[in-house]
C-alpha cells in the first residue's frame, strides 16, 4: 500500500527549515528505510512518497528531487538502531558486493533469498598432477569423465579388497567412513559460523559423536558377543549398566552446551546444536544399521551397496551419452534418460550379482563370534533363502524362451526389491545432499576424492539404502535366533533356568511333543 506525507513551507525561510526538520524526524520514525528529508534551497512544496514496489522518494514541484535508499551501518548507529538491525544490515552489505555478478535465472534468485547465509570457502582442485598432464588435451567435460572413471575403478578395486579381508575389516571401514562423513558436515557448519566464535562448538560435536558411538556399539557388542561379555567381569558390568552410562555421558555434554551459551549468540548456538544432532541421526545411526545388516550375512551388505554403486555409475553413463531431459532442479545435470537407464541396469545387475554370491556360504552365512576360537566365523548350513528352487514361468515367457521352469535362489527375488529401491528411492538421498550443498553454495562436501568430492558425496545414497535394508530384513526375513535365546538363558540364575525348564517341559507335554521325544529316545 502506498503511503504519502506532505509538508508545505511558509514564507519565512527559518520557519520552513523547522518544518522540514520536523518532517525529517517524522520520516525517520515512520519510514525506517529513509535516510533524511532533503532540505530544498528555497521554500517549495515537498512530498515524501513510499511505494511498495519502489524505494521511497522525495518529490518537489520541479520534479524528482531525492530518492531514498537502504540505510548504511553508520545511519543505523546514529539512529540508535538495535543490534538485530545492525547485524542484518551488515550481512546485506556483504551480500550486495556479489549481487551484481550473479544475474542468471535461478542462481540470481537463490543469491537474493539466501543473502544472509555466509558462503563456505570453495575447495581447490586436488586432481593428481599425473592425471592433469595426461588429460590436458581434452575438454573439461571429457577430462572430468576420465577422472571420475579412473577414480571409480580404483574405489571399486579397494571395495573388493576389503571384502576379501573379511567382516572385521569391513566394520572398521564403516566406522572410518562414518567419522569422515561426520567431519565433512560439521566442518561446513564451522566454516559458515566460525566468524561468530561460538564456544565449544567443534569440541561438543565430537563429544556427542563419541557418546552416540559408545551407545550404539555397546548395544551391538552386548547383542552379538553376549557370551564373551558374560565371561569377562569388567565387560559384564559395563554391559549391565551400559544404557545408564550412555545417558550420563550425553547428559554431561548437554550441560556443557547449556554452560557454553553466550548472550549474543543464543540463536546461532541452538542452530548448531540442532545441526550436530541431525548429523548424528543421518550419519551415525544409519552407519550402525549397516553393521547390523553385515551381521545378517555379508550378502546383505555387499548387494545393496553394489546396487547403489551400479545405479550411480549407469545413471551417469546414460545421462552423459543420452541425457537430454532434466530430471530435477536440485541437480540440473540429472536427466530422465540417466534415471531410467540406471533403473533397468541396476535390476539386471542385482539379479546377476545375487545369483553369483548366493552360492557361497562365505557371503550368505550370518557373521557370528565363535567362543572356542575367539574369532568371527561365517560357516553355516545355508538357509532356504540361498538354495536353488524351481519356479514356473508365465505362459508369455514360456512361448518366448521355450522354458517351462527356471531355477533361481529365493534371494534373487528379494534382490529385485533391493535394486528397485536403490534405483528409484536411493537417488533422493543424493537430491537431499544436493539441496543441502546448494543452501550453502558449495559444489561438494569436501575434496577428498578427485572428480567425486568428499566421502559424503559418495555415501549420500548409501545411508538411505542401509535403513531400507534393515527394515526389509526385520519385516520379511529375520526370524527368532535360537542361539541368542540360549545365550540369554544361560546368563540367568540357576533357579530362573530351572523355572524356564519346567515351564517349557509343561508346554511341550501339553502339545504332545515330549512323550513322542521320550519314546524316540
Protein backbone atom coordinates (compact mmCIF):
# COMPACT_ATOMS: atom_id res chain seq x y z
CA UNK A 1 0.00 0.00 0.00
CA UNK A 2 1.38 3.45 -0.93
CA UNK A 3 1.91 5.97 1.86
CA UNK A 4 2.29 9.74 1.27
CA UNK A 5 3.28 12.53 3.66
CA UNK A 6 3.19 16.21 2.56
CA UNK A 7 4.90 19.21 4.21
CA UNK A 8 4.01 22.72 2.98
CA UNK A 9 6.50 25.52 3.69
CA UNK A 10 5.62 29.08 4.60
CA UNK A 11 7.08 32.40 3.55
CA UNK A 12 9.54 32.62 6.40
CA UNK A 13 12.60 30.56 5.42
CA UNK A 14 13.52 29.94 9.07
CA UNK A 15 10.07 28.55 9.70
CA UNK A 16 10.44 26.46 6.56
CA UNK A 17 13.61 24.80 7.86
CA UNK A 18 11.92 23.98 11.18
CA UNK A 19 9.06 22.32 9.36
CA UNK A 20 11.47 20.39 7.16
CA UNK A 21 13.44 19.26 10.23
CA UNK A 22 10.26 18.00 11.87
CA UNK A 23 9.42 16.25 8.61
CA UNK A 24 12.87 14.67 8.67
CA UNK A 25 12.29 13.28 12.16
CA UNK A 26 8.84 12.02 11.20
CA UNK A 27 10.21 10.16 8.22
CA UNK A 28 12.97 8.55 10.25
CA UNK A 29 10.42 7.21 12.71
CA UNK A 30 7.58 6.33 10.36
CA UNK A 31 9.63 5.29 7.36
CA UNK A 32 12.71 3.44 8.73
CA UNK A 33 14.19 3.00 5.25
CA UNK A 34 14.65 6.74 4.66
CA UNK A 35 18.00 8.45 5.13
CA UNK A 36 16.76 12.01 5.64
CA UNK A 37 14.31 14.55 4.32
CA UNK A 38 16.11 16.68 1.76
CA UNK A 39 16.15 20.39 2.50
CA UNK A 40 15.36 22.43 -0.55
CA UNK A 41 17.43 25.60 -1.15
CA UNK A 42 14.20 27.59 -1.39
CA UNK A 43 10.78 27.18 0.19
CA UNK A 44 8.93 24.72 -2.04
CA UNK A 45 6.26 22.07 -1.51
CA UNK A 46 7.82 18.68 -0.68
CA UNK A 47 6.13 15.28 -0.83
CA UNK A 48 7.61 12.05 0.58
CA UNK A 49 6.17 9.03 -1.22
CA UNK A 50 6.67 5.39 -0.29
CA UNK A 51 5.58 2.74 -2.77
CA UNK A 52 5.57 -0.99 -2.03
CA UNK A 53 7.26 -1.75 -5.37
CA UNK A 54 9.88 1.03 -5.35
CA UNK A 55 12.21 2.71 -2.84
CA UNK A 56 10.74 5.77 -1.06
CA UNK A 57 11.18 9.08 -2.90
CA UNK A 58 11.04 12.81 -2.12
CA UNK A 59 9.43 14.93 -4.80
CA UNK A 60 9.41 18.68 -5.34
CA UNK A 61 7.37 20.91 -7.57
CA UNK A 62 10.17 20.84 -10.14
CA UNK A 63 10.23 17.04 -10.33
CA UNK A 64 12.08 14.21 -8.64
CA UNK A 65 14.48 15.66 -6.08
CA UNK A 66 15.73 12.81 -3.88
CA UNK A 67 15.38 9.01 -3.86
CA UNK A 68 15.62 7.22 -0.56
CA UNK A 69 17.77 4.12 -0.21
CA UNK A 70 18.61 1.50 2.37
CA UNK A 71 20.35 2.97 5.46
CA UNK A 72 24.03 2.39 5.93
CA UNK A 73 25.58 0.95 9.08
CA UNK A 74 26.53 4.50 10.17
CA UNK A 75 22.97 5.74 9.71
CA UNK A 76 21.60 2.90 11.79
CA UNK A 77 24.06 3.60 14.58
CA UNK A 78 23.15 7.33 14.54
CA UNK A 79 19.53 6.35 14.84
CA UNK A 80 20.34 4.18 17.81
CA UNK A 81 19.27 1.06 15.92
CA UNK A 82 19.04 -2.27 17.66
CA UNK A 83 21.76 -4.90 17.42
CA UNK A 84 19.49 -7.08 15.29
CA UNK A 85 19.09 -4.32 12.68
CA UNK A 86 22.82 -3.67 12.61
CA UNK A 87 23.61 -7.36 12.13
CA UNK A 88 21.00 -7.69 9.39
CA UNK A 89 22.32 -4.62 7.55
CA UNK A 90 25.91 -5.86 7.88
CA UNK A 91 25.01 -9.17 6.23
CA UNK A 92 23.15 -7.39 3.42
CA UNK A 93 26.08 -5.02 2.80
CA UNK A 94 28.36 -8.04 2.35
CA UNK A 95 25.88 -9.75 0.04
CA UNK A 96 25.46 -6.65 -2.14
CA UNK A 97 29.10 -6.84 -3.23
CA UNK A 98 28.43 -10.02 -5.21
CA UNK A 99 24.82 -9.39 -6.16
CA UNK A 100 25.74 -7.63 -9.39
CA UNK A 101 27.84 -10.60 -10.54
CA UNK A 102 25.01 -13.13 -10.49
CA UNK A 103 22.19 -12.26 -12.86
CA UNK A 104 21.32 -15.62 -14.40
CA UNK A 105 17.90 -17.16 -13.69
CA UNK A 106 17.69 -19.40 -10.62
CA UNK A 107 21.14 -18.56 -9.31
CA UNK A 108 20.13 -14.90 -9.04
CA UNK A 109 17.03 -15.78 -7.08
CA UNK A 110 18.98 -18.05 -4.76
CA UNK A 111 21.52 -15.31 -4.10
CA UNK A 112 18.81 -12.87 -3.14
CA UNK A 113 16.89 -15.27 -0.94
CA UNK A 114 20.00 -16.59 0.80
CA UNK A 115 21.93 -13.32 1.03
CA UNK A 116 22.24 -13.73 4.77
CA UNK A 117 23.93 -17.15 4.55
CA UNK A 118 27.73 -16.94 4.56
CA UNK A 119 29.40 -18.95 1.83
CA UNK A 120 31.72 -21.86 2.54
CA UNK A 121 35.20 -21.45 1.03
CA UNK A 122 35.49 -23.30 -2.29
CA UNK A 123 37.86 -26.26 -2.18
CA UNK A 124 40.81 -26.22 -4.55
CA UNK A 125 41.13 -28.79 -7.32
CA UNK A 126 43.22 -31.66 -5.97
CA UNK A 127 43.28 -33.87 -9.07
CA UNK A 128 46.64 -35.68 -9.20
CA UNK A 129 49.18 -33.88 -11.39
CA UNK A 130 49.75 -37.07 -13.39
CA UNK A 131 46.10 -37.14 -14.48
CA UNK A 132 46.09 -33.42 -15.23
CA UNK A 133 49.06 -33.78 -17.57
CA UNK A 134 47.72 -36.94 -19.23
CA UNK A 135 44.30 -35.39 -19.86
CA UNK A 136 45.40 -31.82 -20.58
CA UNK A 137 44.43 -32.05 -24.27
CA UNK A 138 40.79 -32.94 -23.55
CA UNK A 139 37.85 -30.65 -22.97
CA UNK A 140 36.73 -30.12 -19.37
CA UNK A 141 33.72 -32.39 -19.95
CA UNK A 142 35.74 -35.36 -21.11
CA UNK A 143 38.56 -34.67 -18.66
CA UNK A 144 36.05 -34.88 -15.81
CA UNK A 145 34.64 -38.08 -17.33
CA UNK A 146 38.04 -39.75 -17.36
CA UNK A 147 38.97 -38.56 -13.87
CA UNK A 148 35.68 -39.87 -12.44
CA UNK A 149 36.06 -43.15 -14.33
CA UNK A 150 39.62 -43.84 -13.20
CA UNK A 151 38.89 -42.98 -9.58
CA UNK A 152 35.70 -45.07 -9.68
CA UNK A 153 37.64 -48.13 -10.81
CA UNK A 154 40.17 -47.50 -8.04
CA UNK A 155 37.42 -47.32 -5.41
CA UNK A 156 35.74 -50.50 -6.72
CA UNK A 157 39.07 -52.33 -6.55
CA UNK A 158 39.55 -51.16 -2.98
CA UNK A 159 35.99 -52.32 -2.16
CA UNK A 160 36.78 -55.83 -3.44
CA UNK A 161 39.98 -55.85 -1.42
CA UNK A 162 38.29 -55.05 1.90
CA UNK A 163 35.63 -57.70 1.18
CA UNK A 164 38.45 -60.19 0.80
CA UNK A 165 39.87 -59.14 4.18
CA UNK A 166 36.66 -60.16 5.94
CA UNK A 167 33.87 -58.76 8.14
CA UNK A 168 36.08 -57.23 10.83
CA UNK A 169 37.85 -55.00 8.30
CA UNK A 170 34.50 -54.09 6.77
CA UNK A 171 33.25 -52.92 10.16
CA UNK A 172 36.37 -50.82 10.67
CA UNK A 173 35.94 -49.26 7.22
CA UNK A 174 32.31 -48.42 8.01
CA UNK A 175 33.47 -46.74 11.22
CA UNK A 176 36.12 -44.71 9.36
CA UNK A 177 33.62 -43.65 6.67
CA UNK A 178 31.15 -42.60 9.38
CA UNK A 179 33.74 -40.42 11.13
CA UNK A 180 34.85 -38.81 7.84
CA UNK A 181 31.26 -38.04 6.79
CA UNK A 182 30.56 -36.52 10.19
CA UNK A 183 33.72 -34.42 9.95
CA UNK A 184 32.76 -33.10 6.50
CA UNK A 185 29.29 -31.97 7.58
CA UNK A 186 30.47 -30.45 10.85
CA UNK A 187 33.27 -28.63 9.01
CA UNK A 188 30.68 -26.98 6.77
CA UNK A 189 28.83 -25.72 9.84
CA UNK A 190 32.04 -24.47 11.38
CA UNK A 191 33.09 -22.75 8.13
CA UNK A 192 29.76 -20.94 7.93
CA UNK A 193 29.59 -19.75 11.52
CA UNK A 194 33.23 -19.68 12.70
CA UNK A 195 33.30 -15.87 12.43
CA UNK A 196 30.88 -15.73 15.35
CA UNK A 197 33.37 -17.55 17.62
CA UNK A 198 30.80 -19.95 19.03
CA UNK A 199 32.40 -21.50 22.12
CA UNK A 200 32.97 -25.27 22.24
CA UNK A 201 31.09 -25.96 19.01
CA UNK A 202 33.54 -28.44 17.49
CA UNK A 203 34.51 -29.88 20.86
CA UNK A 204 30.90 -30.64 21.76
CA UNK A 205 30.18 -32.01 18.28
CA UNK A 206 32.95 -34.59 18.55
CA UNK A 207 31.99 -35.35 22.14
CA UNK A 208 28.40 -36.14 21.10
CA UNK A 209 29.78 -38.35 18.30
CA UNK A 210 31.76 -40.28 20.91
CA UNK A 211 28.69 -40.67 23.14
CA UNK A 212 26.43 -41.91 20.37
CA UNK A 213 29.02 -44.38 19.09
CA UNK A 214 29.56 -45.68 22.62
CA UNK A 215 25.83 -46.29 22.95
CA UNK A 216 25.29 -47.99 19.58
CA UNK A 217 28.42 -50.12 19.52
CA UNK A 218 27.90 -51.08 23.15
CA UNK A 219 24.45 -52.35 22.22
CA UNK A 220 25.95 -54.29 19.32
CA UNK A 221 28.64 -55.91 21.46
CA UNK A 222 26.07 -56.91 24.08
CA UNK A 223 23.78 -58.35 21.43
CA UNK A 224 26.22 -60.28 19.25
CA UNK A 225 29.03 -61.10 21.71
CA UNK A 226 26.90 -61.94 24.72
CA UNK A 227 28.89 -64.99 25.82
CA UNK A 228 32.18 -63.09 25.61
CA UNK A 229 30.75 -60.21 27.63
CA UNK A 230 29.48 -62.55 30.34
CA UNK A 231 32.87 -64.23 30.56
CA UNK A 232 34.78 -61.04 31.42
CA UNK A 233 33.81 -59.30 34.66
CA UNK A 234 34.58 -55.68 33.55
CA UNK A 235 32.62 -56.19 30.32
CA UNK A 236 29.74 -57.73 32.22
CA UNK A 237 29.49 -54.68 34.49
CA UNK A 238 29.71 -52.28 31.55
CA UNK A 239 27.04 -54.29 29.73
CA UNK A 240 24.69 -54.31 32.70
CA UNK A 241 24.83 -50.52 33.20
CA UNK A 242 25.51 -49.65 29.56
CA UNK A 243 22.42 -47.51 28.96
CA UNK A 244 22.78 -45.63 32.21
CA UNK A 245 26.42 -44.84 31.42
CA UNK A 246 25.45 -43.72 27.91
CA UNK A 247 22.76 -41.40 29.26
CA UNK A 248 25.16 -39.95 31.84
CA UNK A 249 27.70 -39.22 29.10
CA UNK A 250 25.09 -37.49 26.95
CA UNK A 251 23.78 -35.54 29.93
CA UNK A 252 27.30 -34.26 30.58
CA UNK A 253 27.52 -32.94 27.02
CA UNK A 254 24.07 -31.39 27.33
CA UNK A 255 25.12 -29.49 30.46
CA UNK A 256 28.34 -28.38 28.77
CA UNK A 257 26.28 -26.94 25.92
CA UNK A 258 24.00 -25.03 28.30
CA UNK A 259 27.02 -23.60 30.13
CA UNK A 260 28.57 -22.51 26.82
CA UNK A 261 25.60 -20.31 25.82
CA UNK A 262 26.60 -16.72 25.12
CA UNK A 263 24.06 -13.91 25.24
CA UNK A 264 24.79 -12.53 21.78
CA UNK A 265 24.70 -15.92 20.03
CA UNK A 266 21.81 -17.85 21.58
CA UNK A 267 20.05 -18.50 18.28
CA UNK A 268 23.19 -19.50 16.38
CA UNK A 269 24.27 -21.83 19.17
CA UNK A 270 20.92 -23.61 19.12
CA UNK A 271 21.18 -23.80 15.32
CA UNK A 272 24.49 -25.60 15.65
CA UNK A 273 23.18 -27.83 18.46
CA UNK A 274 20.42 -28.96 16.10
CA UNK A 275 22.96 -29.23 13.25
CA UNK A 276 25.07 -31.66 15.28
CA UNK A 277 22.12 -33.84 16.30
CA UNK A 278 20.69 -34.06 12.78
CA UNK A 279 24.14 -35.05 11.54
CA UNK A 280 24.32 -37.77 14.19
CA UNK A 281 20.89 -39.03 13.11
CA UNK A 282 21.78 -39.13 9.43
CA UNK A 283 25.34 -40.46 9.67
CA UNK A 284 25.90 -42.40 12.89
CA UNK A 285 22.51 -44.05 13.29
CA UNK A 286 22.42 -45.31 9.72
CA UNK A 287 26.03 -46.47 9.70
CA UNK A 288 25.11 -48.53 12.76
CA UNK A 289 22.33 -50.13 10.69
CA UNK A 290 24.91 -51.01 8.02
CA UNK A 291 26.84 -53.03 10.60
CA UNK A 292 23.62 -54.76 11.70
CA UNK A 293 22.99 -55.73 8.08
CA UNK A 294 26.52 -57.09 7.88
CA UNK A 295 25.90 -59.41 10.82
CA UNK A 296 22.93 -60.92 8.95
CA UNK A 297 25.34 -62.06 6.24
CA UNK A 298 27.82 -60.26 4.02
CA UNK A 299 25.44 -60.61 1.08
CA UNK A 300 23.05 -58.18 2.81
CA UNK A 301 25.93 -55.71 2.99
CA UNK A 302 27.51 -56.20 -0.44
CA UNK A 303 24.45 -56.46 -2.71
CA UNK A 304 22.69 -53.25 -1.53
CA UNK A 305 25.90 -51.21 -1.62
CA UNK A 306 26.81 -52.61 -5.04
CA UNK A 307 23.33 -51.81 -6.39
CA UNK A 308 23.70 -48.18 -5.32
CA UNK A 309 27.15 -48.02 -6.91
CA UNK A 310 25.85 -49.62 -10.12
CA UNK A 311 22.90 -47.23 -10.30
CA UNK A 312 25.18 -44.24 -9.73
CA UNK A 313 27.58 -45.35 -12.49
CA UNK A 314 24.97 -46.36 -15.04
CA UNK A 315 22.80 -43.29 -14.46
CA UNK A 316 25.91 -41.16 -15.04
CA UNK A 317 26.80 -43.10 -18.21
CA UNK A 318 23.32 -42.97 -19.70
CA UNK A 319 22.97 -39.31 -18.75
CA UNK A 320 26.41 -38.45 -20.17
CA UNK A 321 25.77 -40.01 -23.58
CA UNK A 322 21.99 -39.81 -23.98
CA UNK A 323 20.78 -37.26 -21.41
CA UNK A 324 18.52 -34.55 -22.79
CA UNK A 325 15.59 -34.15 -20.40
CA UNK A 326 16.30 -32.58 -16.96
CA UNK A 327 15.04 -34.65 -14.04
CA UNK A 328 15.02 -32.29 -11.06
CA UNK A 329 16.02 -28.67 -10.49
CA UNK A 330 18.12 -29.51 -7.43
CA UNK A 331 20.53 -31.43 -9.68
CA UNK A 332 20.49 -29.85 -13.15
CA UNK A 333 22.84 -32.50 -14.55
CA UNK A 334 20.49 -35.36 -13.63
CA UNK A 335 18.34 -36.47 -16.55
CA UNK A 336 15.37 -38.77 -17.13
CA UNK A 337 17.44 -40.80 -19.58
CA UNK A 338 20.05 -41.45 -16.91
CA UNK A 339 17.40 -42.23 -14.29
CA UNK A 340 15.59 -44.79 -16.46
CA UNK A 341 18.77 -46.34 -17.83
CA UNK A 342 20.19 -46.67 -14.33
CA UNK A 343 16.98 -48.34 -13.13
CA UNK A 344 16.94 -51.19 -15.66
CA UNK A 345 20.71 -51.67 -15.48
CA UNK A 346 20.60 -51.96 -11.69
CA UNK A 347 17.75 -54.51 -11.75
CA UNK A 348 19.72 -56.78 -14.11
CA UNK A 349 22.94 -56.26 -12.15
CA UNK A 350 21.25 -57.09 -8.82
CA UNK A 351 19.80 -60.37 -10.13
CA UNK A 352 23.13 -61.49 -11.61
CA UNK A 353 25.21 -60.49 -8.58
CA UNK A 354 22.78 -62.24 -6.22
CA UNK A 355 22.97 -65.44 -8.28
CA UNK A 356 26.78 -65.46 -8.06
CA UNK A 357 27.02 -64.66 -4.34
CA UNK A 358 24.17 -66.87 -3.11
CA UNK A 359 26.19 -69.99 -3.97
CA UNK A 360 28.94 -69.23 -1.41
CA UNK A 361 28.46 -69.77 2.31
CA UNK A 362 31.12 -67.11 2.99
CA UNK A 363 28.67 -64.48 1.77
CA UNK A 364 25.32 -65.89 2.94
CA UNK A 365 26.08 -67.13 6.47
CA UNK A 366 25.48 -64.75 9.39
CA UNK A 367 28.61 -63.29 10.93
CA UNK A 368 28.91 -64.86 14.39
CA UNK A 369 31.50 -64.91 17.16
CA UNK A 370 32.99 -68.32 17.96
CA UNK A 371 33.67 -68.67 21.69
CA UNK A 372 36.11 -71.53 21.23
CA UNK A 373 38.36 -69.82 18.72
CA UNK A 374 37.60 -66.24 19.90
CA UNK A 375 37.10 -65.08 16.34
CA UNK A 376 34.36 -64.34 13.82
CA UNK A 377 33.02 -67.20 11.73
CA UNK A 378 30.88 -67.29 8.60
CA UNK A 379 30.35 -71.04 8.37
CA UNK A 380 26.84 -72.49 8.39
CA UNK A 381 24.28 -74.52 6.50
CA UNK A 382 22.67 -72.07 4.06
CA UNK A 383 19.01 -71.41 4.70
CA UNK A 384 16.26 -71.99 2.13
CA UNK A 385 16.70 -68.40 1.06
CA UNK A 386 20.02 -69.38 -0.52
CA UNK A 387 19.08 -72.76 -2.04
CA UNK A 388 18.08 -73.16 -5.67
CA UNK A 389 14.38 -73.69 -6.27
CA UNK A 390 12.28 -74.20 -9.40
CA UNK A 391 9.80 -71.53 -10.43
CA UNK A 392 7.23 -71.83 -13.20
CA UNK A 393 7.35 -69.22 -15.92
CA UNK A 394 4.28 -67.32 -17.18
CA UNK A 395 2.82 -68.50 -20.48
CA UNK A 396 4.11 -65.45 -22.35
CA UNK A 397 7.69 -66.09 -21.26
CA UNK A 398 7.33 -69.80 -22.00
CA UNK A 399 6.42 -69.01 -25.61
CA UNK A 400 9.43 -66.69 -25.93
CA UNK A 401 12.10 -68.74 -24.15
CA UNK A 402 10.75 -72.26 -24.59
CA UNK A 403 11.31 -72.94 -20.88
CA UNK A 404 8.55 -74.02 -18.54
CA UNK A 405 10.50 -73.59 -15.32
CA UNK A 406 13.61 -71.76 -14.19
CA UNK A 407 15.86 -72.33 -11.19
CA UNK A 408 16.53 -69.32 -9.00
CA UNK A 409 17.66 -68.54 -5.50
CA UNK A 410 14.81 -67.00 -3.47
CA UNK A 411 17.23 -64.23 -2.55
CA UNK A 412 17.26 -63.17 -6.21
CA UNK A 413 13.59 -62.26 -5.91
CA UNK A 414 14.41 -60.15 -2.85
CA UNK A 415 17.26 -58.57 -4.81
CA UNK A 416 14.69 -57.10 -7.21
CA UNK A 417 13.17 -55.18 -4.31
CA UNK A 418 16.62 -54.03 -3.19
CA UNK A 419 17.61 -52.98 -6.72
CA UNK A 420 14.34 -51.13 -7.26
CA UNK A 421 14.78 -49.15 -4.07
CA UNK A 422 18.40 -48.36 -4.95
CA UNK A 423 17.29 -47.08 -8.37
CA UNK A 424 14.09 -45.21 -7.50
CA UNK A 425 14.38 -44.01 -3.89
CA UNK A 426 18.14 -44.11 -3.44
CA UNK A 427 18.77 -41.07 -5.69
CA UNK A 428 16.61 -38.97 -3.39
CA UNK A 429 19.40 -39.23 -0.86
CA UNK A 430 21.58 -37.58 -3.49
CA UNK A 431 18.92 -34.95 -4.21
CA UNK A 432 18.74 -34.21 -0.48
CA UNK A 433 22.51 -33.76 -0.38
CA UNK A 434 22.34 -31.52 -3.49
CA UNK A 435 19.78 -29.29 -1.80
CA UNK A 436 21.97 -29.10 1.28
CA UNK A 437 25.01 -28.09 -0.76
CA UNK A 438 23.05 -25.51 -2.73
CA UNK A 439 21.83 -23.98 0.53
CA UNK A 440 25.46 -23.23 1.43
CA UNK A 441 26.64 -22.53 -2.14
CA UNK A 442 29.17 -25.34 -2.29
CA UNK A 443 29.78 -27.91 -5.01
CA UNK A 444 30.98 -30.82 -2.86
CA UNK A 445 31.16 -31.69 0.82
CA UNK A 446 34.95 -31.90 0.56
CA UNK A 447 37.69 -32.61 -2.00
CA UNK A 448 38.83 -35.97 -0.63
CA UNK A 449 38.31 -37.88 -3.91
CA UNK A 450 39.25 -36.01 -7.12
CA UNK A 451 36.31 -35.81 -9.51
CA UNK A 452 33.90 -37.10 -6.88
CA UNK A 453 34.14 -34.66 -3.98
CA UNK A 454 34.06 -35.82 -0.39
CA UNK A 455 33.25 -39.17 1.20
CA UNK A 456 29.75 -37.90 1.97
CA UNK A 457 29.23 -37.17 -1.73
CA UNK A 458 29.72 -40.90 -2.43
CA UNK A 459 27.68 -42.18 0.52
CA UNK A 460 24.69 -39.83 0.43
CA UNK A 461 22.54 -42.60 -1.10
CA UNK A 462 24.10 -45.45 0.89
CA UNK A 463 22.73 -44.32 4.24
CA UNK A 464 19.15 -44.24 2.98
CA UNK A 465 19.68 -47.68 1.44
CA UNK A 466 21.04 -49.07 4.72
CA UNK A 467 17.89 -48.06 6.57
CA UNK A 468 15.68 -49.72 3.96
CA UNK A 469 17.67 -52.98 4.06
CA UNK A 470 17.50 -53.11 7.86
CA UNK A 471 13.73 -52.55 7.83
CA UNK A 472 13.31 -55.07 5.00
CA UNK A 473 15.22 -57.77 6.89
CA UNK A 474 13.25 -57.16 10.09
CA UNK A 475 9.92 -57.22 8.22
CA UNK A 476 10.35 -60.07 5.72
CA UNK A 477 13.49 -62.11 6.51
CA UNK A 478 14.61 -62.31 10.11
CA UNK A 479 13.07 -64.82 12.50
CA UNK A 480 13.85 -65.80 16.10
CA UNK A 481 17.51 -66.71 16.65
CA UNK A 482 17.74 -69.86 18.85
CA UNK A 483 21.44 -69.37 19.62
CA UNK A 484 20.82 -65.91 21.09
CA UNK A 485 17.92 -67.21 23.17
CA UNK A 486 20.11 -69.99 24.60
CA UNK A 487 22.89 -67.50 25.40
CA UNK A 488 20.45 -65.31 27.33
CA UNK A 489 19.04 -68.34 29.18
CA UNK A 490 22.49 -69.45 30.27
CA UNK A 491 23.13 -65.98 31.70
CA UNK A 492 20.19 -66.35 34.13
CA UNK A 493 20.44 -67.63 37.69
CA UNK A 494 20.05 -71.40 38.21
CA UNK A 495 16.63 -71.09 39.83
CA UNK A 496 15.46 -68.98 36.87
CA UNK A 497 16.80 -71.55 34.41
CA UNK A 498 15.00 -74.33 36.30
CA UNK A 499 11.74 -72.39 36.25
CA UNK A 500 12.02 -71.89 32.48
CA UNK A 501 12.86 -75.59 32.04
CA UNK A 502 9.75 -76.71 33.94
CA UNK A 503 7.58 -74.23 32.03
CA UNK A 504 8.95 -75.42 28.70
CA UNK A 505 8.52 -79.07 29.71
CA UNK A 506 4.89 -78.49 30.66
CA UNK A 507 4.28 -76.68 27.39
CA UNK A 508 5.79 -79.49 25.29
CA UNK A 509 3.87 -82.12 27.23
CA UNK A 510 0.63 -80.23 26.65
CA UNK A 511 1.37 -80.10 22.93
CA UNK A 512 2.02 -83.84 22.90
CA UNK A 513 5.64 -83.46 21.76
CA UNK A 514 7.52 -84.55 24.87
CA UNK A 515 6.16 -88.16 25.09
CA UNK A 516 6.98 -88.66 21.42
CA UNK A 517 10.52 -87.44 22.07
CA UNK A 518 10.89 -89.77 25.09
CA UNK A 519 9.67 -92.79 23.09
CA UNK A 520 12.06 -91.97 20.31
CA UNK A 521 14.91 -91.82 22.82
